[in-house]
């Protein structure tokens, strides 16, 4: 094991232990929480290293970067598209992505439906919710989610599996708790009549423990595994 692989192993082990302790505090099962390693701004060598360490769920924010890495490792990874997805980029990711976390508008749904139907696919997706109300965040206001979910039933090649949200960055992660709790309450209401509505993606490096305590079963972790990366203007998970 080279020095960088050892560093990634140590970082990943610490994240997994923090995840396990958060599950213990909430009475949850660590095996029921999916850890998505976010490889935004991460080179292919480090991607290969984490795959070698047993991580299979990989998250990307940008279509071009995902395609570039997919061409190298293919379906060895289970790909999650976690960033804002432009409609003109759907064609690049629709047949590669295990789960799209950021379905947030009818125009995107229509393009996903069109591309998926053409390829004979069923796209798995989460509705992105802007629970915090931040203008800089994408996603639907919570009160608009039920209607959008009903509208999505006309899209036969999209299967809505749950919700995703992003909390603001706070120095004290405890300040994210009300946001995650409100999202979980919305998730529970929508799930009441649909057992297949079962995925709740909440929590990144700064706040994933609080998210897990509030019911997240997918967390998106980048910096805690790979270290700091420079990308001005956009928060790195």
Foldseek 3Di string as FASTA:
>chain_A
DDPQLVLLLVLVVVVLVLLCVLCVVQVHDSVLAQEEAEQEVNDLVVVVSVLVVVRAHYEYADLVVVLVNCVPVPNSHAYEHEHDDDLVSCLRPLVRHQEYQDPADPVNLVSSLVNCVVVVAAHEYAFEEALVPDPVDGGHHLVCVVVVVVVSVVSPRYDYQEHEYEADDDPDLVVCLVSLLVRVVSRCVVCVVPVSNHAYEYEEDRHVSSNVSNPHRYYYYYCSNNNDDDDPPDDDD
